[in-house]
């Protein structure tokens, strides 16, 4: 597939950003690890995605929404049947799940939670940078580029970073580009962007534009297509070190969540398609790649009166890729008895998910554990993560 980047006129099912394309080519390496971050907005139900089939209390708490035909993992846990490609990665030893995990935030607000999951700072709206962006800065990856407007918070942190916004519209006429360059020449903030506006198919308008056919445009903006596009960029020796795919708020399933099929299953199928498309398109570069999921919180343990789940706390996190050393479910599992739950209703975050991401950043960027703790992402270490990704 040609490299095709685009915008939608509202309501994207997913959005793609790419970062870590160094300003200096020497900073990039064909062997450097790549990281794809998948934002699962809305609060993914970790108990649906990775049901604790070995817990005697699970079935009674979810009489109508527990998966009927889960895919077996380790006897304690299974995968939702919509995650067939994820299960194949498990069988290949390239999928790890961290369960009963979450941020040290329990406010159950989408707005606050999504700020926290991107900033990595547990007090909402107090940070202007994101944990991936800070890691890039700490690793010396200056001049990162995001294919997004505005720059997503999770990638902010490098003062030299910029945004690209390629699209399917025709490029500006050369004369217009020259006029803009002349008008903005004296403005240090605008001048760099004027140059990109004048370039046809350069860094600011990368890739050929899509035509306006609805079917082509709809397919191109699907999560799987975005994953293929990310891989096409990231697998290049001097390509971006980090990609991000943003799945919007479909995980907020207060009613009619479904079991093997339904609203939540459809969103998990999108995640599964991302994993498959990214793995296939990365080719040999999959061996040096990680894919990690991020969600703002989980869902209530017990289903509600409308066969759905409400805002909770703990969830699960997926880590996949060739850099995963072995298939495993890491869980400091306390059980689903009422007295074991957070505030008697939610899965407790017994493993700090920030500690999971800290290990990912250490592996992908080669950062020191002490540096990550001090400058990038504060977290509570857990013994189960000591050798994670080692």
Foldseek 3Di string as FASTA:
>chain_A
DWQEAADDPDDFQKDKKFKLLAPDLVVFFLQFFAEEEEEAEAAAAQCQQKNQVQFPCQCVLQVFAAAPDFADQDNRITGQPLQPLLVVLQVVFFKEKEFLAFAPEWPLDRQQLVQCLQQLDRGGPPDQAGLQLLLCVVLVSAQMEIQDPPDDRNNDDHPNYYYADAHQDDQDDLVVLVVQLVVCVVPPVCNVVSVLSNDDCPPRHPIHHDDDDPVVVNVCSQLLNSLLSNLVQCSDRSGGRYMYMYRDNQSNWLAQCHHSDTSSSVVVNSVSSSVVSNCVNNVPSQLSYKYKYIYSAHWWSGRDPRSTTHRGHIRMMMIGTNLFNGYYYHYPDPGLQQVSADVSIHSHNPAYVLQVVLVVSCSNSVDDSVCCCPRRHPGDDDPSCPPGSD
